[in-house]
N, C-alpha and C. Protein backbone atom coordinates (compact mmCIF):
# COMPACT_ATOMS: atom_id res chain seq x y z
N UNK A 1 99.58 116.31 121.94
CA UNK A 1 100.59 116.04 120.91
C UNK A 1 101.08 117.32 120.24
N UNK A 2 100.73 118.46 120.80
CA UNK A 2 101.23 119.74 120.28
C UNK A 2 100.87 119.96 118.82
N UNK A 3 99.72 119.49 118.38
CA UNK A 3 99.38 119.59 116.97
C UNK A 3 99.12 121.03 116.55
N UNK A 4 98.46 121.79 117.42
CA UNK A 4 98.15 123.17 117.07
C UNK A 4 99.42 123.99 116.93
N UNK A 5 100.42 123.69 117.76
CA UNK A 5 101.70 124.40 117.66
C UNK A 5 102.34 124.13 116.30
N UNK A 6 102.26 122.88 115.82
CA UNK A 6 102.79 122.54 114.50
C UNK A 6 102.06 123.30 113.41
N UNK A 7 100.74 123.40 113.53
CA UNK A 7 99.96 124.07 112.50
C UNK A 7 100.31 125.55 112.44
N UNK A 8 100.49 126.16 113.61
CA UNK A 8 100.86 127.58 113.63
C UNK A 8 102.26 127.79 113.04
N UNK A 9 103.16 126.83 113.32
CA UNK A 9 104.52 126.95 112.83
C UNK A 9 104.56 126.87 111.30
N UNK A 10 103.75 125.97 110.74
CA UNK A 10 103.71 125.81 109.29
C UNK A 10 103.04 126.99 108.61
N UNK A 11 101.92 127.46 109.21
CA UNK A 11 101.22 128.61 108.65
C UNK A 11 100.37 128.23 107.46
N UNK A 12 99.51 129.15 107.00
CA UNK A 12 98.63 128.85 105.86
C UNK A 12 99.40 128.76 104.55
N UNK A 13 98.96 127.89 103.69
CA UNK A 13 99.56 127.73 102.36
C UNK A 13 98.52 128.03 101.31
N UNK A 14 98.83 128.94 100.40
CA UNK A 14 97.89 129.29 99.35
C UNK A 14 97.76 128.16 98.34
N UNK A 15 96.51 127.88 97.95
CA UNK A 15 96.22 126.90 96.89
C UNK A 15 96.73 125.51 97.23
N UNK A 16 96.95 125.24 98.50
CA UNK A 16 97.40 123.91 98.90
C UNK A 16 96.71 123.49 100.18
N UNK A 17 96.50 122.21 100.31
CA UNK A 17 95.92 121.70 101.55
C UNK A 17 96.95 121.83 102.66
N UNK A 18 96.50 122.04 103.89
CA UNK A 18 97.47 122.12 105.00
C UNK A 18 98.18 120.78 105.17
N UNK A 19 99.42 120.79 105.59
CA UNK A 19 100.15 119.53 105.74
C UNK A 19 99.49 118.62 106.78
N UNK A 20 99.60 117.34 106.55
CA UNK A 20 99.00 116.36 107.47
C UNK A 20 99.73 116.42 108.81
N UNK A 21 98.95 116.49 109.89
CA UNK A 21 99.54 116.56 111.22
C UNK A 21 99.76 115.18 111.82
N UNK A 22 98.88 114.25 111.52
CA UNK A 22 99.04 112.89 112.02
C UNK A 22 98.73 111.90 110.91
N UNK A 23 99.30 110.72 111.03
CA UNK A 23 98.97 109.59 110.15
C UNK A 23 98.14 108.60 110.96
N UNK A 24 97.06 108.13 110.37
CA UNK A 24 96.25 107.10 111.02
C UNK A 24 96.63 105.74 110.45
N UNK A 25 96.93 104.80 111.32
CA UNK A 25 97.36 103.47 110.89
C UNK A 25 96.49 102.42 111.58
N UNK A 26 96.06 101.42 110.82
CA UNK A 26 95.24 100.35 111.37
C UNK A 26 95.99 99.02 111.24
N UNK A 27 96.15 98.32 112.36
CA UNK A 27 96.76 96.99 112.38
C UNK A 27 95.64 95.99 112.70
N UNK A 28 95.38 95.06 111.80
CA UNK A 28 94.26 94.15 111.98
C UNK A 28 94.69 92.71 111.70
N UNK A 29 94.06 91.78 112.43
CA UNK A 29 94.31 90.35 112.24
C UNK A 29 92.99 89.60 112.21
N UNK A 30 92.96 88.40 111.61
CA UNK A 30 91.71 87.64 111.51
C UNK A 30 91.15 87.24 112.87
N UNK A 31 89.86 86.94 112.87
CA UNK A 31 89.20 86.48 114.09
C UNK A 31 89.90 85.25 114.64
N UNK A 32 90.00 85.19 115.94
CA UNK A 32 90.67 84.08 116.60
C UNK A 32 92.09 84.39 117.02
N UNK A 33 92.67 85.46 116.47
CA UNK A 33 94.02 85.86 116.88
C UNK A 33 93.95 86.48 118.27
N UNK A 34 94.80 86.07 119.22
CA UNK A 34 94.76 86.64 120.57
C UNK A 34 94.97 88.16 120.55
N UNK A 35 94.00 88.94 121.00
CA UNK A 35 94.11 90.40 120.94
C UNK A 35 95.35 90.95 121.62
N UNK A 36 95.71 90.39 122.77
CA UNK A 36 96.86 90.92 123.52
C UNK A 36 98.16 90.70 122.75
N UNK A 37 98.22 89.64 121.96
CA UNK A 37 99.42 89.40 121.17
C UNK A 37 99.50 90.38 120.00
N UNK A 38 98.33 90.74 119.46
CA UNK A 38 98.30 91.75 118.40
C UNK A 38 98.79 93.08 118.96
N UNK A 39 98.29 93.45 120.14
CA UNK A 39 98.71 94.70 120.77
C UNK A 39 100.20 94.68 121.09
N UNK A 40 100.68 93.55 121.58
CA UNK A 40 102.11 93.43 121.90
C UNK A 40 102.97 93.61 120.65
N UNK A 41 102.52 93.02 119.53
CA UNK A 41 103.27 93.15 118.28
C UNK A 41 103.30 94.60 117.80
N UNK A 42 102.17 95.29 117.94
CA UNK A 42 102.12 96.70 117.53
C UNK A 42 103.03 97.54 118.41
N UNK A 43 103.04 97.27 119.71
CA UNK A 43 103.92 98.01 120.62
C UNK A 43 105.39 97.80 120.24
N UNK A 44 105.76 96.55 119.96
CA UNK A 44 107.14 96.27 119.55
C UNK A 44 107.47 96.99 118.25
N UNK A 45 106.53 96.95 117.31
CA UNK A 45 106.73 97.61 116.02
C UNK A 45 106.96 99.11 116.19
N UNK A 46 106.09 99.76 116.97
CA UNK A 46 106.18 101.21 117.12
C UNK A 46 107.44 101.63 117.88
N UNK A 47 107.87 100.82 118.84
CA UNK A 47 109.11 101.15 119.54
C UNK A 47 110.29 101.19 118.58
N UNK A 48 110.32 100.21 117.66
CA UNK A 48 111.44 100.17 116.71
C UNK A 48 111.34 101.26 115.65
N UNK A 49 110.12 101.57 115.21
CA UNK A 49 109.96 102.51 114.10
C UNK A 49 109.93 103.97 114.55
N UNK A 50 109.34 104.25 115.72
CA UNK A 50 109.06 105.65 116.06
C UNK A 50 109.64 106.14 117.39
N UNK A 51 110.19 105.26 118.21
CA UNK A 51 110.68 105.68 119.53
C UNK A 51 111.71 106.79 119.40
N UNK A 52 111.56 107.82 120.26
CA UNK A 52 112.45 108.99 120.31
C UNK A 52 112.43 109.81 119.02
N UNK A 53 111.47 109.51 118.15
CA UNK A 53 111.34 110.27 116.90
C UNK A 53 109.93 110.85 116.77
N UNK A 54 108.96 109.99 116.49
CA UNK A 54 107.58 110.46 116.29
C UNK A 54 106.72 110.04 117.48
N UNK A 55 105.98 110.98 118.03
CA UNK A 55 105.04 110.64 119.10
C UNK A 55 103.86 109.87 118.51
N UNK A 56 103.32 108.96 119.30
CA UNK A 56 102.21 108.16 118.80
C UNK A 56 101.30 107.74 119.95
N UNK A 57 100.10 107.35 119.61
CA UNK A 57 99.13 106.82 120.57
C UNK A 57 98.37 105.69 119.90
N UNK A 58 97.95 104.71 120.68
CA UNK A 58 97.25 103.55 120.10
C UNK A 58 96.17 103.05 121.04
N UNK A 59 95.23 102.31 120.46
CA UNK A 59 94.18 101.69 121.27
C UNK A 59 93.79 100.36 120.62
N UNK A 60 93.60 99.34 121.44
CA UNK A 60 93.17 98.02 120.97
C UNK A 60 91.65 97.96 120.95
N UNK A 61 91.07 97.51 119.85
CA UNK A 61 89.62 97.33 119.73
C UNK A 61 89.30 95.84 119.59
N UNK A 62 88.36 95.38 120.40
CA UNK A 62 87.89 94.00 120.29
C UNK A 62 86.38 93.96 120.13
N UNK A 63 85.81 95.06 119.60
CA UNK A 63 84.36 95.14 119.42
C UNK A 63 83.89 94.37 118.19
N UNK A 64 84.84 93.94 117.34
CA UNK A 64 84.52 93.15 116.17
C UNK A 64 85.27 91.81 116.28
N UNK A 65 84.86 90.80 115.50
CA UNK A 65 85.52 89.48 115.61
C UNK A 65 87.03 89.55 115.39
N UNK A 66 87.48 90.42 114.49
CA UNK A 66 88.92 90.51 114.23
C UNK A 66 89.54 91.59 115.13
N UNK A 67 90.52 91.21 115.96
CA UNK A 67 91.16 92.21 116.82
C UNK A 67 91.97 93.20 115.99
N UNK A 68 91.90 94.46 116.35
CA UNK A 68 92.64 95.45 115.59
C UNK A 68 93.08 96.60 116.49
N UNK A 69 94.15 97.25 116.08
CA UNK A 69 94.71 98.36 116.84
C UNK A 69 94.69 99.60 115.97
N UNK A 70 94.08 100.66 116.48
CA UNK A 70 94.11 101.96 115.81
C UNK A 70 95.28 102.76 116.39
N UNK A 71 96.04 103.39 115.51
CA UNK A 71 97.19 104.17 115.98
C UNK A 71 97.25 105.48 115.20
N UNK A 72 97.62 106.55 115.91
CA UNK A 72 97.91 107.83 115.26
C UNK A 72 99.38 108.15 115.53
N UNK A 73 100.07 108.61 114.49
CA UNK A 73 101.49 108.95 114.58
C UNK A 73 101.66 110.41 114.19
N UNK A 74 102.35 111.15 115.00
CA UNK A 74 102.60 112.56 114.69
C UNK A 74 103.49 112.65 113.45
N UNK A 75 103.02 113.41 112.46
CA UNK A 75 103.73 113.47 111.18
C UNK A 75 105.10 114.12 111.31
N UNK A 76 105.22 115.11 112.20
CA UNK A 76 106.49 115.81 112.37
C UNK A 76 107.23 115.22 113.56
N UNK A 77 108.47 114.78 113.33
CA UNK A 77 109.25 114.14 114.40
C UNK A 77 109.77 115.18 115.38
N UNK A 78 110.32 114.71 116.48
CA UNK A 78 110.93 115.59 117.48
C UNK A 78 112.13 116.33 116.90
N UNK A 79 112.70 115.79 115.85
CA UNK A 79 113.85 116.42 115.19
C UNK A 79 113.42 117.32 114.01
N UNK A 80 112.09 117.46 113.82
CA UNK A 80 111.59 118.31 112.75
C UNK A 80 111.55 117.65 111.39
N UNK A 81 111.65 116.33 111.34
CA UNK A 81 111.61 115.59 110.07
C UNK A 81 110.20 115.08 109.85
N UNK A 82 109.65 115.31 108.65
CA UNK A 82 108.28 114.90 108.35
C UNK A 82 108.24 113.45 107.89
N UNK A 83 107.26 112.72 108.42
CA UNK A 83 107.06 111.32 108.05
C UNK A 83 106.18 111.25 106.80
N UNK A 84 106.74 110.76 105.71
CA UNK A 84 105.98 110.59 104.47
C UNK A 84 105.72 109.11 104.25
N UNK A 85 104.45 108.74 104.10
CA UNK A 85 104.10 107.34 103.91
C UNK A 85 103.87 107.07 102.43
N UNK A 86 104.74 106.28 101.85
CA UNK A 86 104.61 105.87 100.46
C UNK A 86 104.28 104.38 100.43
N UNK A 87 104.08 103.85 99.22
CA UNK A 87 103.76 102.42 99.10
C UNK A 87 104.87 101.57 99.69
N UNK A 88 106.12 101.95 99.44
CA UNK A 88 107.25 101.19 99.97
C UNK A 88 107.25 101.24 101.50
N UNK A 89 106.86 102.39 102.06
CA UNK A 89 106.79 102.53 103.52
C UNK A 89 105.76 101.56 104.09
N UNK A 90 104.58 101.53 103.47
CA UNK A 90 103.52 100.66 103.96
C UNK A 90 103.89 99.19 103.83
N UNK A 91 104.57 98.83 102.73
CA UNK A 91 105.02 97.44 102.57
C UNK A 91 106.00 97.07 103.68
N UNK A 92 106.91 98.00 103.99
CA UNK A 92 107.88 97.76 105.06
C UNK A 92 107.17 97.59 106.40
N UNK A 93 106.18 98.44 106.67
CA UNK A 93 105.44 98.34 107.93
C UNK A 93 104.71 97.01 108.04
N UNK A 94 104.11 96.59 106.93
CA UNK A 94 103.40 95.30 106.96
C UNK A 94 104.35 94.15 107.27
N UNK A 95 105.52 94.15 106.64
CA UNK A 95 106.50 93.09 106.88
C UNK A 95 106.99 93.10 108.32
N UNK A 96 107.23 94.30 108.85
CA UNK A 96 107.72 94.40 110.23
C UNK A 96 106.64 93.99 111.23
N UNK A 97 105.39 94.37 110.96
CA UNK A 97 104.29 93.96 111.83
C UNK A 97 104.17 92.44 111.85
N UNK A 98 104.27 91.81 110.69
CA UNK A 98 104.21 90.35 110.61
C UNK A 98 105.37 89.72 111.37
N UNK A 99 106.55 90.32 111.27
CA UNK A 99 107.73 89.80 111.98
C UNK A 99 107.51 89.85 113.49
N UNK A 100 106.96 90.95 113.97
CA UNK A 100 106.71 91.07 115.42
C UNK A 100 105.58 90.15 115.88
N UNK A 101 104.61 89.90 115.00
CA UNK A 101 103.57 88.93 115.34
C UNK A 101 104.17 87.54 115.52
N UNK A 102 105.06 87.16 114.59
CA UNK A 102 105.71 85.85 114.71
C UNK A 102 106.54 85.76 115.99
N UNK A 103 107.20 86.85 116.35
CA UNK A 103 108.00 86.88 117.57
C UNK A 103 107.12 86.72 118.81
N UNK A 104 105.84 87.09 118.69
CA UNK A 104 104.90 86.95 119.80
C UNK A 104 104.06 85.67 119.70
N UNK A 105 104.48 84.75 118.82
CA UNK A 105 103.82 83.45 118.73
C UNK A 105 102.61 83.40 117.83
N UNK A 106 102.45 84.38 116.94
CA UNK A 106 101.32 84.39 116.00
C UNK A 106 101.84 84.17 114.60
N UNK A 107 101.33 83.15 113.90
CA UNK A 107 101.74 82.91 112.52
C UNK A 107 101.22 84.03 111.63
N UNK A 108 102.12 84.70 110.95
CA UNK A 108 101.71 85.82 110.10
C UNK A 108 102.71 86.01 108.98
N UNK A 109 102.19 86.47 107.85
CA UNK A 109 103.01 86.78 106.68
C UNK A 109 102.47 88.01 106.00
N UNK A 110 103.34 88.89 105.56
CA UNK A 110 102.91 90.12 104.88
C UNK A 110 102.83 89.86 103.38
N UNK A 111 101.84 89.08 102.97
CA UNK A 111 101.69 88.74 101.55
C UNK A 111 100.99 89.86 100.82
N UNK A 112 101.51 90.22 99.64
CA UNK A 112 100.91 91.30 98.85
C UNK A 112 99.50 90.91 98.40
N UNK A 113 98.63 91.92 98.27
CA UNK A 113 97.25 91.68 97.81
C UNK A 113 97.22 90.96 96.47
N UNK A 114 98.08 91.41 95.55
CA UNK A 114 98.08 90.82 94.21
C UNK A 114 98.42 89.34 94.26
N UNK A 115 99.35 88.97 95.14
CA UNK A 115 99.76 87.57 95.26
C UNK A 115 98.65 86.73 95.85
N UNK A 116 97.84 87.34 96.73
CA UNK A 116 96.72 86.62 97.33
C UNK A 116 95.53 86.54 96.39
N UNK A 117 95.61 87.25 95.24
CA UNK A 117 94.48 87.26 94.31
C UNK A 117 93.36 88.15 94.78
N UNK A 118 93.68 89.11 95.67
CA UNK A 118 92.66 90.03 96.17
C UNK A 118 92.29 91.01 95.06
N UNK A 119 91.04 91.06 94.68
CA UNK A 119 90.61 91.88 93.55
C UNK A 119 90.25 93.29 93.97
N UNK A 120 90.19 93.57 95.28
CA UNK A 120 89.79 94.89 95.75
C UNK A 120 91.02 95.76 95.93
N UNK A 121 91.18 96.85 95.17
CA UNK A 121 92.34 97.71 95.34
C UNK A 121 92.42 98.24 96.76
N UNK A 122 93.63 98.41 97.26
CA UNK A 122 93.82 98.87 98.64
C UNK A 122 93.12 100.19 98.88
N UNK A 123 93.21 101.11 97.92
CA UNK A 123 92.60 102.42 98.09
C UNK A 123 91.09 102.29 98.20
N UNK A 124 90.49 101.48 97.33
CA UNK A 124 89.04 101.34 97.34
C UNK A 124 88.58 100.67 98.62
N UNK A 125 89.37 99.74 99.13
CA UNK A 125 89.03 99.06 100.37
C UNK A 125 88.92 100.07 101.50
N UNK A 126 89.92 100.97 101.62
CA UNK A 126 89.90 101.98 102.67
C UNK A 126 88.78 102.98 102.47
N UNK A 127 88.56 103.38 101.22
CA UNK A 127 87.50 104.33 100.92
C UNK A 127 86.14 103.73 101.23
N UNK A 128 85.99 102.41 100.93
CA UNK A 128 84.72 101.74 101.20
C UNK A 128 84.40 101.78 102.70
N UNK A 129 85.43 101.51 103.54
CA UNK A 129 85.19 101.56 104.99
C UNK A 129 84.82 102.96 105.43
N UNK A 130 85.47 103.97 104.84
CA UNK A 130 85.14 105.35 105.17
C UNK A 130 83.72 105.68 104.74
N UNK A 131 83.33 105.13 103.58
CA UNK A 131 81.97 105.36 103.08
C UNK A 131 80.95 104.76 104.03
N UNK A 132 81.27 103.58 104.56
CA UNK A 132 80.37 102.93 105.50
C UNK A 132 80.16 103.80 106.74
N UNK A 133 81.17 104.58 107.09
CA UNK A 133 81.06 105.47 108.25
C UNK A 133 80.54 106.84 107.85
N UNK A 134 80.24 107.03 106.56
CA UNK A 134 79.73 108.30 106.09
C UNK A 134 80.77 109.39 106.00
N UNK A 135 82.05 109.02 105.77
CA UNK A 135 83.13 109.99 105.82
C UNK A 135 83.75 110.29 104.46
N UNK A 136 83.38 109.58 103.40
CA UNK A 136 84.15 109.68 102.18
C UNK A 136 83.46 110.49 101.10
N UNK A 137 83.96 111.71 100.85
CA UNK A 137 83.50 112.52 99.73
C UNK A 137 84.07 111.97 98.43
N UNK A 138 85.28 111.38 98.53
CA UNK A 138 85.97 110.84 97.35
C UNK A 138 85.12 109.79 96.66
N UNK A 139 84.59 108.85 97.42
CA UNK A 139 83.85 107.75 96.80
C UNK A 139 82.56 108.25 96.16
N UNK A 140 81.93 109.27 96.75
CA UNK A 140 80.71 109.82 96.15
C UNK A 140 81.02 110.44 94.78
N UNK A 141 82.14 111.16 94.71
CA UNK A 141 82.54 111.76 93.44
C UNK A 141 82.84 110.69 92.40
N UNK A 142 83.55 109.63 92.82
CA UNK A 142 83.90 108.54 91.89
C UNK A 142 82.65 107.84 91.39
N UNK A 143 81.70 107.59 92.29
CA UNK A 143 80.46 106.91 91.90
C UNK A 143 79.68 107.75 90.89
N UNK A 144 79.61 109.07 91.13
CA UNK A 144 78.89 109.95 90.21
C UNK A 144 79.56 109.96 88.83
N UNK A 145 80.90 109.95 88.81
CA UNK A 145 81.63 109.94 87.54
C UNK A 145 81.36 108.65 86.76
N UNK A 146 81.44 107.51 87.45
CA UNK A 146 81.21 106.22 86.79
C UNK A 146 79.77 106.10 86.34
N UNK A 147 78.83 106.61 87.15
CA UNK A 147 77.41 106.56 86.78
C UNK A 147 77.16 107.35 85.50
N UNK A 148 77.80 108.52 85.38
CA UNK A 148 77.65 109.31 84.15
C UNK A 148 78.21 108.57 82.95
N UNK A 149 79.35 107.91 83.14
CA UNK A 149 79.96 107.16 82.04
C UNK A 149 79.05 106.02 81.59
N UNK A 150 78.42 105.34 82.54
CA UNK A 150 77.52 104.25 82.19
C UNK A 150 76.29 104.75 81.44
N UNK A 151 75.77 105.90 81.85
CA UNK A 151 74.58 106.46 81.21
C UNK A 151 74.87 106.94 79.79
N UNK A 152 76.04 107.55 79.60
CA UNK A 152 76.38 108.11 78.28
C UNK A 152 77.10 107.11 77.39
N UNK A 153 77.61 106.03 77.99
CA UNK A 153 78.38 105.06 77.21
C UNK A 153 79.78 105.53 76.89
N UNK A 154 80.20 106.62 77.52
CA UNK A 154 81.53 107.20 77.26
C UNK A 154 82.50 106.70 78.33
N UNK A 155 82.92 105.46 78.20
CA UNK A 155 83.85 104.88 79.17
C UNK A 155 85.28 105.27 78.84
N UNK A 156 86.03 105.69 79.84
CA UNK A 156 87.42 106.10 79.66
C UNK A 156 88.35 104.90 79.79
N UNK A 157 89.37 104.84 78.93
CA UNK A 157 90.36 103.77 79.01
C UNK A 157 91.32 104.08 80.16
N UNK A 158 91.50 103.11 81.03
CA UNK A 158 92.35 103.31 82.20
C UNK A 158 93.74 102.75 81.97
N UNK A 159 94.75 103.59 82.17
CA UNK A 159 96.12 103.13 82.04
C UNK A 159 96.45 102.09 83.11
N UNK A 160 95.83 102.23 84.28
CA UNK A 160 96.12 101.31 85.37
C UNK A 160 95.71 99.88 85.07
N UNK A 161 94.77 99.69 84.14
CA UNK A 161 94.30 98.35 83.80
C UNK A 161 95.42 97.53 83.18
N UNK A 162 96.24 98.16 82.35
CA UNK A 162 97.36 97.45 81.71
C UNK A 162 98.34 96.96 82.77
N UNK A 163 98.68 97.83 83.72
CA UNK A 163 99.59 97.43 84.80
C UNK A 163 98.98 96.32 85.64
N UNK A 164 97.67 96.41 85.86
CA UNK A 164 96.99 95.40 86.67
C UNK A 164 97.07 94.03 86.00
N UNK A 165 96.86 93.99 84.70
CA UNK A 165 96.92 92.72 83.96
C UNK A 165 98.34 92.17 83.91
N UNK A 166 99.32 93.05 83.76
CA UNK A 166 100.72 92.61 83.75
C UNK A 166 101.11 92.03 85.11
N UNK A 167 100.68 92.68 86.18
CA UNK A 167 100.96 92.17 87.53
C UNK A 167 100.33 90.81 87.73
N UNK A 168 99.07 90.65 87.26
CA UNK A 168 98.39 89.37 87.42
C UNK A 168 99.14 88.25 86.69
N UNK A 169 99.64 88.53 85.46
CA UNK A 169 100.39 87.53 84.72
C UNK A 169 101.64 87.11 85.48
N UNK A 170 102.34 88.09 86.07
CA UNK A 170 103.54 87.78 86.85
C UNK A 170 103.20 86.92 88.06
N UNK A 171 102.08 87.26 88.72
CA UNK A 171 101.65 86.50 89.90
C UNK A 171 101.30 85.07 89.51
N UNK A 172 100.56 84.91 88.41
CA UNK A 172 100.18 83.56 87.98
C UNK A 172 101.41 82.73 87.63
N UNK A 173 102.36 83.35 86.91
CA UNK A 173 103.59 82.62 86.58
C UNK A 173 104.32 82.19 87.85
N UNK A 174 104.34 83.07 88.84
CA UNK A 174 105.00 82.74 90.09
C UNK A 174 104.34 81.57 90.80
N UNK A 175 102.99 81.59 90.88
CA UNK A 175 102.28 80.50 91.56
C UNK A 175 102.45 79.17 90.81
N UNK A 176 102.36 79.21 89.48
CA UNK A 176 102.53 77.97 88.71
C UNK A 176 103.95 77.43 88.86
N UNK A 177 104.94 78.32 88.97
CA UNK A 177 106.32 77.89 89.19
C UNK A 177 106.45 77.22 90.56
N UNK A 178 105.77 77.77 91.57
CA UNK A 178 105.78 77.16 92.90
C UNK A 178 105.16 75.77 92.84
N UNK A 179 104.04 75.66 92.10
CA UNK A 179 103.40 74.35 91.94
C UNK A 179 104.32 73.35 91.27
N UNK A 180 105.06 73.79 90.26
CA UNK A 180 106.00 72.89 89.57
C UNK A 180 107.09 72.40 90.52
N UNK A 181 107.58 73.31 91.37
CA UNK A 181 108.63 72.93 92.34
C UNK A 181 108.09 71.90 93.32
N UNK A 182 106.87 72.14 93.80
CA UNK A 182 106.27 71.20 94.76
C UNK A 182 106.05 69.83 94.10
N UNK A 183 105.60 69.82 92.84
CA UNK A 183 105.39 68.56 92.13
C UNK A 183 106.70 67.81 91.94
N UNK A 184 107.76 68.55 91.63
CA UNK A 184 109.07 67.91 91.45
C UNK A 184 109.59 67.31 92.76
N UNK A 185 109.15 67.88 93.88
CA UNK A 185 109.57 67.36 95.20
C UNK A 185 108.67 66.23 95.66
N UNK A 186 107.68 65.87 94.83
CA UNK A 186 106.78 64.78 95.19
C UNK A 186 105.60 65.20 96.04
N UNK A 187 105.42 66.49 96.25
CA UNK A 187 104.29 66.98 97.06
C UNK A 187 103.13 67.31 96.11
N UNK A 188 102.60 66.25 95.52
CA UNK A 188 101.63 66.40 94.43
C UNK A 188 100.34 67.07 94.88
N UNK A 189 99.81 66.67 96.02
CA UNK A 189 98.53 67.23 96.48
C UNK A 189 98.64 68.74 96.70
N UNK A 190 99.73 69.16 97.36
CA UNK A 190 99.93 70.59 97.60
C UNK A 190 100.15 71.34 96.29
N UNK A 191 100.86 70.70 95.36
CA UNK A 191 101.08 71.32 94.05
C UNK A 191 99.76 71.58 93.34
N UNK A 192 98.85 70.59 93.40
CA UNK A 192 97.55 70.76 92.76
C UNK A 192 96.74 71.87 93.43
N UNK A 193 96.87 72.00 94.74
CA UNK A 193 96.18 73.08 95.44
C UNK A 193 96.69 74.45 94.97
N UNK A 194 98.00 74.56 94.80
CA UNK A 194 98.60 75.81 94.33
C UNK A 194 98.14 76.12 92.91
N UNK A 195 98.18 75.10 92.03
CA UNK A 195 97.74 75.32 90.65
C UNK A 195 96.27 75.73 90.60
N UNK A 196 95.44 75.08 91.43
CA UNK A 196 94.01 75.40 91.45
C UNK A 196 93.79 76.82 91.94
N UNK A 197 94.55 77.22 92.97
CA UNK A 197 94.42 78.58 93.50
C UNK A 197 94.76 79.60 92.41
N UNK A 198 95.85 79.36 91.68
CA UNK A 198 96.27 80.28 90.63
C UNK A 198 95.25 80.35 89.50
N UNK A 199 94.67 79.20 89.17
CA UNK A 199 93.72 79.15 88.06
C UNK A 199 92.38 79.78 88.42
N UNK A 200 92.02 79.76 89.71
CA UNK A 200 90.70 80.23 90.13
C UNK A 200 90.71 81.63 90.72
N UNK A 201 91.84 82.33 90.65
CA UNK A 201 91.87 83.70 91.16
C UNK A 201 90.88 84.56 90.36
N UNK A 202 90.07 85.37 91.02
CA UNK A 202 89.12 86.21 90.28
C UNK A 202 89.86 87.21 89.39
N UNK A 203 89.27 87.57 88.26
CA UNK A 203 89.95 88.49 87.34
C UNK A 203 90.22 89.83 88.02
N UNK A 204 91.39 90.42 87.76
CA UNK A 204 91.71 91.71 88.38
C UNK A 204 90.85 92.83 87.79
N UNK A 205 90.39 93.72 88.65
CA UNK A 205 89.56 94.82 88.19
C UNK A 205 90.01 96.12 88.83
N UNK A 206 89.87 97.20 88.06
CA UNK A 206 90.24 98.51 88.58
C UNK A 206 89.14 99.03 89.48
N UNK A 207 89.44 100.14 90.15
CA UNK A 207 88.45 100.76 91.03
C UNK A 207 87.18 101.13 90.26
N UNK A 208 87.35 101.71 89.07
CA UNK A 208 86.19 102.10 88.27
C UNK A 208 85.36 100.90 87.86
N UNK A 209 86.02 99.81 87.49
CA UNK A 209 85.29 98.61 87.08
C UNK A 209 84.49 98.04 88.24
N UNK A 210 85.06 98.07 89.44
CA UNK A 210 84.34 97.55 90.61
C UNK A 210 83.15 98.43 90.97
N UNK A 211 83.33 99.75 90.85
CA UNK A 211 82.21 100.65 91.12
C UNK A 211 81.11 100.43 90.09
N UNK A 212 81.49 100.31 88.80
CA UNK A 212 80.50 100.07 87.74
C UNK A 212 79.76 98.75 87.98
N UNK A 213 80.49 97.74 88.40
CA UNK A 213 79.89 96.43 88.68
C UNK A 213 78.86 96.55 89.80
N UNK A 214 79.21 97.31 90.83
CA UNK A 214 78.31 97.51 91.96
C UNK A 214 77.06 98.29 91.53
N UNK A 215 77.25 99.32 90.71
CA UNK A 215 76.10 100.11 90.25
C UNK A 215 75.15 99.27 89.40
N UNK A 216 75.71 98.46 88.48
CA UNK A 216 74.86 97.59 87.65
C UNK A 216 74.06 96.62 88.52
N UNK A 217 74.71 96.07 89.55
CA UNK A 217 74.04 95.13 90.44
C UNK A 217 72.89 95.81 91.18
N UNK A 218 73.12 97.05 91.62
CA UNK A 218 72.06 97.78 92.32
C UNK A 218 70.88 98.08 91.40
N UNK A 219 71.18 98.43 90.15
CA UNK A 219 70.11 98.71 89.18
C UNK A 219 69.29 97.45 88.93
N UNK A 220 69.98 96.31 88.76
CA UNK A 220 69.27 95.04 88.53
C UNK A 220 68.37 94.70 89.71
N UNK A 221 68.90 94.88 90.93
CA UNK A 221 68.10 94.58 92.12
C UNK A 221 66.88 95.49 92.21
N UNK A 222 67.09 96.78 91.88
CA UNK A 222 65.97 97.73 91.94
C UNK A 222 64.90 97.35 90.93
N UNK A 223 65.31 96.96 89.72
CA UNK A 223 64.34 96.57 88.69
C UNK A 223 63.59 95.31 89.10
N UNK A 224 64.31 94.38 89.73
CA UNK A 224 63.66 93.15 90.19
C UNK A 224 62.61 93.45 91.24
N UNK A 225 62.96 94.35 92.18
CA UNK A 225 61.99 94.72 93.22
C UNK A 225 60.78 95.43 92.62
N UNK A 226 61.04 96.33 91.64
CA UNK A 226 59.93 97.04 91.00
C UNK A 226 59.02 96.07 90.27
N UNK A 227 59.62 95.06 89.60
CA UNK A 227 58.83 94.07 88.88
C UNK A 227 57.94 93.27 89.81
N UNK A 228 58.49 92.92 90.98
CA UNK A 228 57.70 92.17 91.96
C UNK A 228 56.54 93.01 92.49
N UNK A 229 56.82 94.30 92.73
CA UNK A 229 55.78 95.17 93.27
C UNK A 229 54.65 95.40 92.29
N UNK A 230 54.93 95.26 90.96
CA UNK A 230 53.92 95.50 89.95
C UNK A 230 53.13 94.26 89.57
N UNK A 231 53.49 93.09 90.12
CA UNK A 231 52.76 91.87 89.83
C UNK A 231 51.33 91.96 90.37
N UNK A 232 50.33 91.50 89.60
CA UNK A 232 48.94 91.56 90.10
C UNK A 232 48.75 90.63 91.30
N UNK A 233 48.00 91.10 92.24
CA UNK A 233 47.76 90.30 93.45
C UNK A 233 46.42 89.55 93.30
N UNK A 234 46.46 88.29 93.73
CA UNK A 234 45.22 87.48 93.67
C UNK A 234 44.31 87.85 94.83
N UNK A 235 43.00 87.76 94.58
CA UNK A 235 42.02 88.07 95.62
C UNK A 235 41.32 86.82 96.09
């Protein structure tokens, strides 16, 4: 993929990380989805998004219950234009991937995490997987920071929490509005399912709150194990 040639062309940058040479993208579907259809959808997606522009390579993995495709895309196009992935870019890719899945006979929708009530931030989800593979320095630093805050009681107020709560209110209003529409159409059972889903969504939490929750749980488990080990044994 001529990556070394790109690196030499860019040259070293003082006080800055070297520019990204490739983007790693993961396309995944739930267990039971036909792997070949997932691969076909990814191929269709990449032809439309990157053909004659960015070089790419992909591989289908079926070693886990959910079929998934790993893909690397060359950051610099054949025309010398750099591919920058922003949140809007990723949303567009998700929608296009879902569209190509539907075209290949797989029911799919690119529903936002917040709308699904997913409490795990996208960044933390990816970092967690990297941590499982032993690759994430970021998560170790974050854990150490949160651990210090818990020990000292000096918790920092997160600006992101306000946005998270505002987003959740918007999502809840949207779901309850959908339930009202379904009820007005006489689809009472489905309306109740929608209302129940909206009411039972887990509370939104920031990355720091989730890390703190995990640390507290580990401390409780450790104390429980220590207590069991110290119990007197009968003879």
